[in-house]
Amino acid sequence: MTFEEAIKMGEYQPEKLSQYPEWATFSRHVQWEYISKAMANRKTQLMRKWSEAINFMDQSEIPELKKKIADSIFEQIRKLGEEKEKLYYEYSQYTD
């Protein structure tokens, strides 16, 4: 997988992105921009999964399963927001 593919797939964790050689060549500003873009991609993916869970799962079979899946995805979205705040603060502390 290439760096660009990882970003499109929603990989935003700096520890994982730093495994790609190009990561070290980017300024902190550019690194943040890639992180932010990947986080937006991940949120879009999670929102799509949440929507699918709410709209397309058959409620007649196991309604509590549908709720658990939707709640789990929503929790991932909430945690993503917390991680974005943390990373924003971390990356805003540096100037190039």
PDB file of N, CA and C in Angstrom:
ATOM      1  N   MET A   1       0.847  -1.171   0.000  1.00  0.00           N
ATOM      2  CA  MET A   1       0.000   0.000   0.000  1.00  0.00           C
ATOM      3  C   MET A   1       0.894   1.237   0.000  1.00  0.00           C
ATOM      4  N   THR A   2       0.523   2.208  -0.784  1.00  0.00           N
ATOM      5  CA  THR A   2       1.286   3.451  -0.845  1.00  0.00           C
ATOM      6  C   THR A   2       0.808   4.410   0.241  1.00  0.00           C
ATOM      7  N   PHE A   3       1.580   5.448   0.444  1.00  0.00           N
ATOM      8  CA  PHE A   3       1.214   6.478   1.417  1.00  0.00           C
ATOM      9  C   PHE A   3      -0.140   7.091   1.065  1.00  0.00           C
ATOM     10  N   GLU A   4      -0.324   7.454  -0.185  1.00  0.00           N
ATOM     11  CA  GLU A   4      -1.585   8.077  -0.620  1.00  0.00           C
ATOM     12  C   GLU A   4      -2.763   7.131  -0.419  1.00  0.00           C
ATOM     13  N   GLU A   5      -2.562   5.840  -0.674  1.00  0.00           N
ATOM     14  CA  GLU A   5      -3.636   4.872  -0.463  1.00  0.00           C
ATOM     15  C   GLU A   5      -3.991   4.771   1.018  1.00  0.00           C
ATOM     16  N   ALA A   6      -2.974   4.821   1.869  1.00  0.00           N
ATOM     17  CA  ALA A   6      -3.213   4.763   3.307  1.00  0.00           C
ATOM     18  C   ALA A   6      -4.056   5.956   3.757  1.00  0.00           C
ATOM     19  N   ILE A   7      -3.760   7.129   3.235  1.00  0.00           N
ATOM     20  CA  ILE A   7      -4.530   8.333   3.569  1.00  0.00           C
ATOM     21  C   ILE A   7      -5.975   8.167   3.100  1.00  0.00           C
ATOM     22  N   LYS A   8      -6.157   7.685   1.878  1.00  0.00           N
ATOM     23  CA  LYS A   8      -7.511   7.473   1.351  1.00  0.00           C
ATOM     24  C   LYS A   8      -8.287   6.457   2.175  1.00  0.00           C
ATOM     25  N   MET A   9      -7.587   5.483   2.725  1.00  0.00           N
ATOM     26  CA  MET A   9      -8.228   4.447   3.532  1.00  0.00           C
ATOM     27  C   MET A   9      -8.498   4.916   4.966  1.00  0.00           C
ATOM     28  N   GLY A  10      -8.041   6.116   5.299  1.00  0.00           N
ATOM     29  CA  GLY A  10      -8.330   6.679   6.616  1.00  0.00           C
ATOM     30  C   GLY A  10      -7.285   6.391   7.676  1.00  0.00           C
ATOM     31  N   GLU A  11      -6.079   6.038   7.258  1.00  0.00           N
ATOM     32  CA  GLU A  11      -5.004   5.822   8.238  1.00  0.00           C
ATOM     33  C   GLU A  11      -4.449   7.185   8.633  1.00  0.00           C
ATOM     34  N   TYR A  12      -4.615   7.550   9.893  1.00  0.00           N
ATOM     35  CA  TYR A  12      -4.232   8.886  10.333  1.00  0.00           C
ATOM     36  C   TYR A  12      -3.224   8.899  11.468  1.00  0.00           C
ATOM     37  N   GLN A  13      -2.923   7.772  12.047  1.00  0.00           N
ATOM     38  CA  GLN A  13      -2.033   7.748  13.204  1.00  0.00           C
ATOM     39  C   GLN A  13      -0.587   8.015  12.767  1.00  0.00           C
ATOM     40  N   PRO A  14       0.024   9.062  13.352  1.00  0.00           N
ATOM     41  CA  PRO A  14       1.388   9.427  12.956  1.00  0.00           C
ATOM     42  C   PRO A  14       2.383   8.266  13.075  1.00  0.00           C
ATOM     43  N   GLU A  15       2.189   7.398  14.076  1.00  0.00           N
ATOM     44  CA  GLU A  15       3.106   6.269  14.245  1.00  0.00           C
ATOM     45  C   GLU A  15       3.070   5.352  13.024  1.00  0.00           C
ATOM     46  N   LYS A  16       1.917   5.177  12.449  1.00  0.00           N
ATOM     47  CA  LYS A  16       1.788   4.320  11.274  1.00  0.00           C
ATOM     48  C   LYS A  16       2.214   5.056  10.005  1.00  0.00           C
ATOM     49  N   LEU A  17       1.857   6.327   9.908  1.00  0.00           N
ATOM     50  CA  LEU A  17       2.243   7.102   8.724  1.00  0.00           C
ATOM     51  C   LEU A  17       3.757   7.292   8.651  1.00  0.00           C
ATOM     52  N   SER A  18       4.404   7.300   9.811  1.00  0.00           N
ATOM     53  CA  SER A  18       5.861   7.491   9.820  1.00  0.00           C
ATOM     54  C   SER A  18       6.610   6.295   9.247  1.00  0.00           C
ATOM     55  N   GLN A  19       5.932   5.198   9.016  1.00  0.00           N
ATOM     56  CA  GLN A  19       6.563   4.040   8.389  1.00  0.00           C
ATOM     57  C   GLN A  19       6.792   4.247   6.898  1.00  0.00           C
ATOM     58  N   TYR A  20       6.133   5.242   6.332  1.00  0.00           N
ATOM     59  CA  TYR A  20       6.330   5.564   4.920  1.00  0.00           C
ATOM     60  C   TYR A  20       7.485   6.558   4.811  1.00  0.00           C
ATOM     61  N   PRO A  21       8.443   6.309   3.912  1.00  0.00           N
ATOM     62  CA  PRO A  21       9.634   7.170   3.826  1.00  0.00           C
ATOM     63  C   PRO A  21       9.328   8.648   3.588  1.00  0.00           C
ATOM     64  N   GLU A  22       8.303   8.941   2.825  1.00  0.00           N
ATOM     65  CA  GLU A  22       8.004  10.338   2.506  1.00  0.00           C
ATOM     66  C   GLU A  22       7.553  11.137   3.727  1.00  0.00           C
ATOM     67  N   TRP A  23       7.023  10.461   4.744  1.00  0.00           N
ATOM     68  CA  TRP A  23       6.530  11.145   5.937  1.00  0.00           C
ATOM     69  C   TRP A  23       7.610  12.032   6.555  1.00  0.00           C
ATOM     70  N   ALA A  24       8.821  11.528   6.628  1.00  0.00           N
ATOM     71  CA  ALA A  24       9.929  12.272   7.253  1.00  0.00           C
ATOM     72  C   ALA A  24      10.326  13.504   6.448  1.00  0.00           C
ATOM     73  N   THR A  25       9.949  13.551   5.196  1.00  0.00           N
ATOM     74  CA  THR A  25      10.326  14.699   4.363  1.00  0.00           C
ATOM     75  C   THR A  25       9.316  15.844   4.460  1.00  0.00           C
ATOM     76  N   PHE A  26       8.166  15.599   5.078  1.00  0.00           N
ATOM     77  CA  PHE A  26       7.126  16.615   5.171  1.00  0.00           C
ATOM     78  C   PHE A  26       7.337  17.510   6.386  1.00  0.00           C
ATOM     79  N   SER A  27       6.979  18.771   6.231  1.00  0.00           N
ATOM     80  CA  SER A  27       6.979  19.692   7.371  1.00  0.00           C
ATOM     81  C   SER A  27       5.845  19.303   8.317  1.00  0.00           C
ATOM     82  N   ARG A  28       5.869  19.817   9.527  1.00  0.00           N
ATOM     83  CA  ARG A  28       4.800  19.527  10.486  1.00  0.00           C
ATOM     84  C   ARG A  28       3.440  19.978   9.939  1.00  0.00           C
ATOM     85  N   HIS A  29       3.445  21.106   9.249  1.00  0.00           N
ATOM     86  CA  HIS A  29       2.204  21.605   8.663  1.00  0.00           C
ATOM     87  C   HIS A  29       1.644  20.600   7.651  1.00  0.00           C
ATOM     88  N   VAL A  30       2.482  20.105   6.766  1.00  0.00           N
ATOM     89  CA  VAL A  30       2.038  19.158   5.743  1.00  0.00           C
ATOM     90  C   VAL A  30       1.621  17.841   6.405  1.00  0.00           C
ATOM     91  N   GLN A  31       2.370  17.407   7.412  1.00  0.00           N
ATOM     92  CA  GLN A  31       1.974  16.204   8.136  1.00  0.00           C
ATOM     93  C   GLN A  31       0.573  16.362   8.717  1.00  0.00           C
ATOM     94  N   TRP A  32       0.314  17.518   9.336  1.00  0.00           N
ATOM     95  CA  TRP A  32      -1.011  17.755   9.905  1.00  0.00           C
ATOM     96  C   TRP A  32      -2.088  17.735   8.827  1.00  0.00           C
ATOM     97  N   GLU A  33      -1.804  18.322   7.686  1.00  0.00           N
ATOM     98  CA  GLU A  33      -2.779  18.341   6.600  1.00  0.00           C
ATOM     99  C   GLU A  33      -3.124  16.922   6.153  1.00  0.00           C
ATOM    100  N   TYR A  34      -2.120  16.060   6.058  1.00  0.00           N
ATOM    101  CA  TYR A  34      -2.385  14.662   5.705  1.00  0.00           C
ATOM    102  C   TYR A  34      -3.173  13.949   6.802  1.00  0.00           C
ATOM    103  N   ILE A  35      -2.817  14.186   8.046  1.00  0.00           N
ATOM    104  CA  ILE A  35      -3.546  13.586   9.167  1.00  0.00           C
ATOM    105  C   ILE A  35      -5.005  14.029   9.125  1.00  0.00           C
ATOM    106  N   SER A  36      -5.215  15.309   8.946  1.00  0.00           N
ATOM    107  CA  SER A  36      -6.566  15.856   8.907  1.00  0.00           C
ATOM    108  C   SER A  36      -7.375  15.263   7.751  1.00  0.00           C
ATOM    109  N   LYS A  37      -6.752  15.148   6.598  1.00  0.00           N
ATOM    110  CA  LYS A  37      -7.423  14.563   5.427  1.00  0.00           C
ATOM    111  C   LYS A  37      -7.781  13.101   5.695  1.00  0.00           C
ATOM    112  N   ALA A  38      -6.857  12.347   6.278  1.00  0.00           N
ATOM    113  CA  ALA A  38      -7.109  10.936   6.581  1.00  0.00           C
ATOM    114  C   ALA A  38      -8.222  10.793   7.615  1.00  0.00           C
ATOM    115  N   MET A  39      -8.247  11.688   8.600  1.00  0.00           N
ATOM    116  CA  MET A  39      -9.301  11.638   9.613  1.00  0.00           C
ATOM    117  C   MET A  39     -10.668  11.931   8.997  1.00  0.00           C
ATOM    118  N   ALA A  40     -10.713  12.854   8.076  1.00  0.00           N
ATOM    119  CA  ALA A  40     -11.970  13.147   7.384  1.00  0.00           C
ATOM    120  C   ALA A  40     -12.419  11.923   6.582  1.00  0.00           C
ATOM    121  N   ASN A  41     -11.467  11.267   5.938  1.00  0.00           N
ATOM    122  CA  ASN A  41     -11.791  10.049   5.197  1.00  0.00           C
ATOM    123  C   ASN A  41     -12.317   8.967   6.134  1.00  0.00           C
ATOM    124  N   ARG A  42     -11.670   8.804   7.284  1.00  0.00           N
ATOM    125  CA  ARG A  42     -12.096   7.788   8.258  1.00  0.00           C
ATOM    126  C   ARG A  42     -13.494   8.111   8.791  1.00  0.00           C
ATOM    127  N   LYS A  43     -13.758   9.375   9.068  1.00  0.00           N
ATOM    128  CA  LYS A  43     -15.085   9.754   9.559  1.00  0.00           C
ATOM    129  C   LYS A  43     -16.151   9.461   8.510  1.00  0.00           C
ATOM    130  N   THR A  44     -15.862   9.739   7.261  1.00  0.00           N
ATOM    131  CA  THR A  44     -16.804   9.442   6.181  1.00  0.00           C
ATOM    132  C   THR A  44     -17.089   7.947   6.119  1.00  0.00           C
ATOM    133  N   GLN A  45     -16.037   7.141   6.246  1.00  0.00           N
ATOM    134  CA  GLN A  45     -16.215   5.693   6.225  1.00  0.00           C
ATOM    135  C   GLN A  45     -17.078   5.228   7.400  1.00  0.00           C
ATOM    136  N   LEU A  46     -16.804   5.754   8.579  1.00  0.00           N
ATOM    137  CA  LEU A  46     -17.582   5.368   9.756  1.00  0.00           C
ATOM    138  C   LEU A  46     -19.037   5.813   9.640  1.00  0.00           C
ATOM    139  N   MET A  47     -19.258   7.000   9.122  1.00  0.00           N
ATOM    140  CA  MET A  47     -20.633   7.487   8.945  1.00  0.00           C
ATOM    141  C   MET A  47     -21.389   6.601   7.957  1.00  0.00           C
ATOM    142  N   ARG A  48     -20.716   6.165   6.905  1.00  0.00           N
ATOM    143  CA  ARG A  48     -21.349   5.268   5.931  1.00  0.00           C
ATOM    144  C   ARG A  48     -21.709   3.935   6.597  1.00  0.00           C
ATOM    145  N   LYS A  49     -20.780   3.399   7.402  1.00  0.00           N
ATOM    146  CA  LYS A  49     -21.056   2.142   8.109  1.00  0.00           C
ATOM    147  C   LYS A  49     -22.219   2.309   9.088  1.00  0.00           C
ATOM    148  N   TRP A  50     -22.238   3.430   9.786  1.00  0.00           N
ATOM    149  CA  TRP A  50     -23.315   3.702  10.736  1.00  0.00           C
ATOM    150  C   TRP A  50     -24.648   3.763   9.997  1.00  0.00           C
ATOM    151  N   SER A  51     -24.664   4.471   8.872  1.00  0.00           N
ATOM    152  CA  SER A  51     -25.884   4.593   8.078  1.00  0.00           C
ATOM    153  C   SER A  51     -26.346   3.229   7.585  1.00  0.00           C
ATOM    154  N   GLU A  52     -25.411   2.414   7.138  1.00  0.00           N
ATOM    155  CA  GLU A  52     -25.760   1.064   6.684  1.00  0.00           C
ATOM    156  C   GLU A  52     -26.345   0.246   7.830  1.00  0.00           C
ATOM    157  N   ALA A  53     -25.757   0.365   8.985  1.00  0.00           N
ATOM    158  CA  ALA A  53     -26.255  -0.385  10.142  1.00  0.00           C
ATOM    159  C   ALA A  53     -27.674   0.048  10.497  1.00  0.00           C
ATOM    160  N   ILE A  54     -27.919   1.338  10.440  1.00  0.00           N
ATOM    161  CA  ILE A  54     -29.240   1.862  10.793  1.00  0.00           C
ATOM    162  C   ILE A  54     -30.284   1.550   9.723  1.00  0.00           C
ATOM    163  N   ASN A  55     -29.908   1.702   8.466  1.00  0.00           N
ATOM    164  CA  ASN A  55     -30.892   1.628   7.385  1.00  0.00           C
ATOM    165  C   ASN A  55     -31.028   0.276   6.700  1.00  0.00           C
ATOM    166  N   PHE A  56     -29.984  -0.532   6.706  1.00  0.00           N
ATOM    167  CA  PHE A  56     -30.028  -1.722   5.874  1.00  0.00           C
ATOM    168  C   PHE A  56     -30.065  -3.045   6.630  1.00  0.00           C
ATOM    169  N   MET A  57     -29.752  -3.021   7.912  1.00  0.00           N
ATOM    170  CA  MET A  57     -29.813  -4.271   8.660  1.00  0.00           C
ATOM    171  C   MET A  57     -31.261  -4.630   8.934  1.00  0.00           C
ATOM    172  N   ASP A  58     -31.564  -5.894   8.826  1.00  0.00           N
ATOM    173  CA  ASP A  58     -32.918  -6.386   9.063  1.00  0.00           C
ATOM    174  C   ASP A  58     -33.221  -6.353  10.555  1.00  0.00           C
ATOM    175  N   GLN A  59     -34.123  -5.475  10.947  1.00  0.00           N
ATOM    176  CA  GLN A  59     -34.474  -5.323  12.362  1.00  0.00           C
ATOM    177  C   GLN A  59     -35.274  -6.503  12.895  1.00  0.00           C
ATOM    178  N   SER A  60     -35.967  -7.200  12.035  1.00  0.00           N
ATOM    179  CA  SER A  60     -36.854  -8.245  12.512  1.00  0.00           C
ATOM    180  C   SER A  60     -36.116  -9.417  13.144  1.00  0.00           C
ATOM    181  N   GLU A  61     -34.865  -9.635  12.738  1.00  0.00           N
ATOM    182  CA  GLU A  61     -34.136 -10.784  13.265  1.00  0.00           C
ATOM    183  C   GLU A  61     -33.552 -10.512  14.645  1.00  0.00           C
ATOM    184  N   ILE A  62     -32.695  -9.520  14.754  1.00  0.00           N
ATOM    185  CA  ILE A  62     -32.048  -9.241  16.036  1.00  0.00           C
ATOM    186  C   ILE A  62     -31.940  -7.721  16.211  1.00  0.00           C
ATOM    187  N   PRO A  63     -32.994  -7.071  16.670  1.00  0.00           N
ATOM    188  CA  PRO A  63     -32.957  -5.604  16.783  1.00  0.00           C
ATOM    189  C   PRO A  63     -31.875  -5.097  17.732  1.00  0.00           C
ATOM    190  N   GLU A  64     -31.591  -5.837  18.808  1.00  0.00           N
ATOM    191  CA  GLU A  64     -30.561  -5.378  19.748  1.00  0.00           C
ATOM    192  C   GLU A  64     -29.174  -5.422  19.124  1.00  0.00           C
ATOM    193  N   LEU A  65     -28.956  -6.341  18.179  1.00  0.00           N
ATOM    194  CA  LEU A  65     -27.668  -6.399  17.482  1.00  0.00           C
ATOM    195  C   LEU A  65     -27.471  -5.147  16.629  1.00  0.00           C
ATOM    196  N   LYS A  66     -28.505  -4.733  15.951  1.00  0.00           N
ATOM    197  CA  LYS A  66     -28.446  -3.517  15.127  1.00  0.00           C
ATOM    198  C   LYS A  66     -28.067  -2.318  15.990  1.00  0.00           C
ATOM    199  N   LYS A  67     -28.683  -2.209  17.156  1.00  0.00           N
ATOM    200  CA  LYS A  67     -28.384  -1.090  18.048  1.00  0.00           C
ATOM    201  C   LYS A  67     -26.950  -1.168  18.552  1.00  0.00           C
ATOM    202  N   LYS A  68     -26.487  -2.353  18.916  1.00  0.00           N
ATOM    203  CA  LYS A  68     -25.112  -2.509  19.398  1.00  0.00           C
ATOM    204  C   LYS A  68     -24.101  -2.129  18.326  1.00  0.00           C
ATOM    205  N   ILE A  69     -24.346  -2.556  17.092  1.00  0.00           N
ATOM    206  CA  ILE A  69     -23.431  -2.224  16.001  1.00  0.00           C
ATOM    207  C   ILE A  69     -23.424  -0.719  15.759  1.00  0.00           C
ATOM    208  N   ALA A  70     -24.598  -0.123  15.680  1.00  0.00           N
ATOM    209  CA  ALA A  70     -24.688   1.324  15.452  1.00  0.00           C
ATOM    210  C   ALA A  70     -24.029   2.093  16.590  1.00  0.00           C
ATOM    211  N   ASP A  71     -24.253   1.663  17.825  1.00  0.00           N
ATOM    212  CA  ASP A  71     -23.641   2.331  18.977  1.00  0.00           C
ATOM    213  C   ASP A  71     -22.122   2.202  18.947  1.00  0.00           C
ATOM    214  N   SER A  72     -21.624   1.035  18.550  1.00  0.00           N
ATOM    215  CA  SER A  72     -20.180   0.814  18.462  1.00  0.00           C
ATOM    216  C   SER A  72     -19.550   1.742  17.423  1.00  0.00           C
ATOM    217  N   ILE A  73     -20.197   1.871  16.285  1.00  0.00           N
ATOM    218  CA  ILE A  73     -19.677   2.753  15.235  1.00  0.00           C
ATOM    219  C   ILE A  73     -19.730   4.201  15.696  1.00  0.00           C
ATOM    220  N   PHE A  74     -20.827   4.590  16.339  1.00  0.00           N
ATOM    221  CA  PHE A  74     -20.942   5.958  16.840  1.00  0.00           C
ATOM    222  C   PHE A  74     -19.853   6.249  17.867  1.00  0.00           C
ATOM    223  N   GLU A  75     -19.525   5.278  18.709  1.00  0.00           N
ATOM    224  CA  GLU A  75     -18.455   5.438  19.693  1.00  0.00           C
ATOM    225  C   GLU A  75     -17.103   5.641  18.999  1.00  0.00           C
ATOM    226  N   GLN A  76     -16.876   4.934  17.903  1.00  0.00           N
ATOM    227  CA  GLN A  76     -15.643   5.128  17.141  1.00  0.00           C
ATOM    228  C   GLN A  76     -15.573   6.541  16.557  1.00  0.00           C
ATOM    229  N   ILE A  77     -16.695   7.058  16.123  1.00  0.00           N
ATOM    230  CA  ILE A  77     -16.752   8.428  15.604  1.00  0.00           C
ATOM    231  C   ILE A  77     -16.435   9.423  16.714  1.00  0.00           C
ATOM    232  N   ARG A  78     -16.989   9.184  17.898  1.00  0.00           N
ATOM    233  CA  ARG A  78     -16.715  10.068  19.041  1.00  0.00           C
ATOM    234  C   ARG A  78     -15.229  10.042  19.407  1.00  0.00           C
ATOM    235  N   LYS A  79     -14.640   8.860  19.453  1.00  0.00           N
ATOM    236  CA  LYS A  79     -13.216   8.740  19.774  1.00  0.00           C
ATOM    237  C   LYS A  79     -12.348   9.400  18.705  1.00  0.00           C
ATOM    238  N   LEU A  80     -12.763   9.302  17.455  1.00  0.00           N
ATOM    239  CA  LEU A  80     -12.028   9.957  16.377  1.00  0.00           C
ATOM    240  C   LEU A  80     -11.992  11.467  16.608  1.00  0.00           C
ATOM    241  N   GLY A  81     -13.106  12.029  17.048  1.00  0.00           N
ATOM    242  CA  GLY A  81     -13.153  13.462  17.360  1.00  0.00           C
ATOM    243  C   GLY A  81     -12.195  13.828  18.479  1.00  0.00           C
ATOM    244  N   GLU A  82     -12.133  12.996  19.505  1.00  0.00           N
ATOM    245  CA  GLU A  82     -11.201  13.243  20.609  1.00  0.00           C
ATOM    246  C   GLU A  82      -9.754  13.163  20.128  1.00  0.00           C
ATOM    247  N   GLU A  83      -9.461  12.178  19.299  1.00  0.00           N
ATOM    248  CA  GLU A  83      -8.102  12.036  18.780  1.00  0.00           C
ATOM    249  C   GLU A  83      -7.723  13.216  17.888  1.00  0.00           C
ATOM    250  N   LYS A  84      -8.696  13.729  17.139  1.00  0.00           N
ATOM    251  CA  LYS A  84      -8.416  14.881  16.281  1.00  0.00           C
ATOM    252  C   LYS A  84      -8.050  16.095  17.127  1.00  0.00           C
ATOM    253  N   GLU A  85      -8.766  16.314  18.207  1.00  0.00           N
ATOM    254  CA  GLU A  85      -8.440  17.431  19.100  1.00  0.00           C
ATOM    255  C   GLU A  85      -7.026  17.279  19.655  1.00  0.00           C
ATOM    256  N   LYS A  86      -6.697  16.081  20.096  1.00  0.00           N
ATOM    257  CA  LYS A  86      -5.378  15.813  20.669  1.00  0.00           C
ATOM    258  C   LYS A  86      -4.275  16.053  19.634  1.00  0.00           C
ATOM    259  N   LEU A  87      -4.463  15.507  18.444  1.00  0.00           N
ATOM    260  CA  LEU A  87      -3.448  15.678  17.400  1.00  0.00           C
ATOM    261  C   LEU A  87      -3.368  17.120  16.922  1.00  0.00           C
ATOM    262  N   TYR A  88      -4.503  17.804  16.857  1.00  0.00           N
ATOM    263  CA  TYR A  88      -4.490  19.217  16.469  1.00  0.00           C
ATOM    264  C   TYR A  88      -3.633  20.013  17.435  1.00  0.00           C
ATOM    265  N   TYR A  89      -3.848  19.777  18.722  1.00  0.00           N
ATOM    266  CA  TYR A  89      -3.067  20.479  19.734  1.00  0.00           C
ATOM    267  C   TYR A  89      -1.582  20.151  19.580  1.00  0.00           C
ATOM    268  N   GLU A  90      -1.271  18.870  19.409  1.00  0.00           N
ATOM    269  CA  GLU A  90       0.124  18.439  19.268  1.00  0.00           C
ATOM    270  C   GLU A  90       0.792  19.080  18.055  1.00  0.00           C
ATOM    271  N   TYR A  91       0.110  19.102  16.930  1.00  0.00           N
ATOM    272  CA  TYR A  91       0.711  19.633  15.712  1.00  0.00           C
ATOM    273  C   TYR A  91       0.669  21.156  15.642  1.00  0.00           C
ATOM    274  N   SER A  92      -0.189  21.792  16.428  1.00  0.00           N
ATOM    275  CA  SER A  92      -0.244  23.254  16.408  1.00  0.00           C
ATOM    276  C   SER A  92       0.844  23.869  17.283  1.00  0.00           C
ATOM    277  N   GLN A  93       1.524  23.065  18.071  1.00  0.00           N
ATOM    278  CA  GLN A  93       2.575  23.549  18.968  1.00  0.00           C
ATOM    279  C   GLN A  93       3.905  23.753  18.255  1.00  0.00           C
ATOM    280  N   TYR A  94       4.002  23.297  17.039  1.00  0.00           N
ATOM    281  CA  TYR A  94       5.275  23.381  16.310  1.00  0.00           C
ATOM    282  C   TYR A  94       5.163  24.317  15.126  1.00  0.00           C
ATOM    283  N   THR A  95       6.217  25.046  14.913  1.00  0.00           N
ATOM    284  CA  THR A  95       6.290  25.881  13.713  1.00  0.00           C
ATOM    285  C   THR A  95       7.494  25.440  12.910  1.00  0.00           C
ATOM    286  N   ASP A  96       7.369  25.508  11.609  1.00  0.00           N
ATOM    287  CA  ASP A  96       8.485  25.127  10.728  1.00  0.00           C
ATOM    288  C   ASP A  96       9.241  26.336  10.267  1.00  0.00           C
TER     289      ASP A  96
END
